[in-house]
Amino acid sequence: MTKLFIFIGITAFGWIGWWLGSKVGFMTGFISSIAASMVGVYIGWRIGHDYFE
């Protein structure tokens, strides 16, 4: 179950990071997508670990 939440976190936060960063430029969108995906991994892991294990 934790892996599912990590996947959802990566997808959602990566998209949000890309959407926000791409308003400035392509590389900014790419870098912000990577950073936001790392945040999504952490939040997805915390949700899966705290509530479903």
C-alpha atoms as a PDB file:
ATOM      1  CA  MET A   1       0.000   0.000   0.000  1.00  0.00           C
ATOM      2  CA  THR A   2       2.887   2.338   0.738  1.00  0.00           C
ATOM      3  CA  LYS A   3       4.226   1.985  -2.805  1.00  0.00           C
ATOM      4  CA  LEU A   4       0.858   3.062  -4.192  1.00  0.00           C
ATOM      5  CA  PHE A   5       0.887   6.238  -2.119  1.00  0.00           C
ATOM      6  CA  ILE A   6       4.483   6.945  -3.141  1.00  0.00           C
ATOM      7  CA  PHE A   7       3.498   6.558  -6.799  1.00  0.00           C
ATOM      8  CA  ILE A   8       0.508   8.877  -6.354  1.00  0.00           C
ATOM      9  CA  GLY A   9       2.698  11.414  -4.525  1.00  0.00           C
ATOM     10  CA  ILE A  10       5.359  11.373  -7.246  1.00  0.00           C
ATOM     11  CA  THR A  11       2.764  11.805  -9.974  1.00  0.00           C
ATOM     12  CA  ALA A  12       0.747  14.556  -8.317  1.00  0.00           C
ATOM     13  CA  PHE A  13       3.601  16.600  -6.909  1.00  0.00           C
ATOM     14  CA  GLY A  14       5.729  16.164 -10.033  1.00  0.00           C
ATOM     15  CA  TRP A  15       2.903  17.495 -12.168  1.00  0.00           C
ATOM     16  CA  ILE A  16       2.342  20.449  -9.833  1.00  0.00           C
ATOM     17  CA  GLY A  17       6.071  21.229  -9.846  1.00  0.00           C
ATOM     18  CA  TRP A  18       6.201  21.066 -13.622  1.00  0.00           C
ATOM     19  CA  TRP A  19       3.125  23.250 -13.965  1.00  0.00           C
ATOM     20  CA  LEU A  20       4.516  25.935 -11.657  1.00  0.00           C
ATOM     21  CA  GLY A  21       8.090  25.850 -12.964  1.00  0.00           C
ATOM     22  CA  SER A  22       7.274  25.746 -16.659  1.00  0.00           C
ATOM     23  CA  LYS A  23       5.798  29.229 -16.414  1.00  0.00           C
ATOM     24  CA  VAL A  24       9.392  30.463 -16.039  1.00  0.00           C
ATOM     25  CA  GLY A  25      11.083  28.145 -18.531  1.00  0.00           C
ATOM     26  CA  PHE A  26      11.674  24.561 -19.598  1.00  0.00           C
ATOM     27  CA  MET A  27      14.656  23.801 -17.344  1.00  0.00           C
ATOM     28  CA  THR A  28      13.003  25.485 -14.376  1.00  0.00           C
ATOM     29  CA  GLY A  29       9.984  23.257 -14.917  1.00  0.00           C
ATOM     30  CA  PHE A  30      12.213  20.200 -15.107  1.00  0.00           C
ATOM     31  CA  ILE A  31      14.133  21.016 -11.918  1.00  0.00           C
ATOM     32  CA  SER A  32      11.028  21.994  -9.972  1.00  0.00           C
ATOM     33  CA  SER A  33       9.324  18.784 -11.113  1.00  0.00           C
ATOM     34  CA  ILE A  34      12.224  16.740  -9.738  1.00  0.00           C
ATOM     35  CA  ALA A  35      12.203  18.619  -6.430  1.00  0.00           C
ATOM     36  CA  ALA A  36       8.426  18.342  -6.081  1.00  0.00           C
ATOM     37  CA  SER A  37       8.593  14.614  -6.902  1.00  0.00           C
ATOM     38  CA  MET A  38      11.010  14.120  -4.009  1.00  0.00           C
ATOM     39  CA  VAL A  39       8.524  15.870  -1.742  1.00  0.00           C
ATOM     40  CA  GLY A  40       5.822  13.587  -3.138  1.00  0.00           C
ATOM     41  CA  VAL A  41       7.882  10.507  -2.288  1.00  0.00           C
ATOM     42  CA  TYR A  42       8.238  11.665   1.301  1.00  0.00           C
ATOM     43  CA  ILE A  43       4.573  12.589   1.731  1.00  0.00           C
ATOM     44  CA  GLY A  44       3.392   9.363   0.077  1.00  0.00           C
ATOM     45  CA  TRP A  45       5.706   7.313   2.272  1.00  0.00           C
ATOM     46  CA  ARG A  46       4.517   9.084   5.429  1.00  0.00           C
ATOM     47  CA  ILE A  47       0.852   8.543   4.554  1.00  0.00           C
ATOM     48  CA  GLY A  48       1.382   4.885   3.720  1.00  0.00           C
ATOM     49  CA  HIS A  49       3.557   4.214   6.726  1.00  0.00           C
ATOM     50  CA  ASP A  50       1.557   6.157   9.320  1.00  0.00           C
ATOM     51  CA  TYR A  51      -1.965   5.184   8.330  1.00  0.00           C
ATOM     52  CA  PHE A  52      -1.810   1.860   6.510  1.00  0.00           C
ATOM     53  CA  GLU A  53       0.887  -0.226   8.179  1.00  0.00           C
END
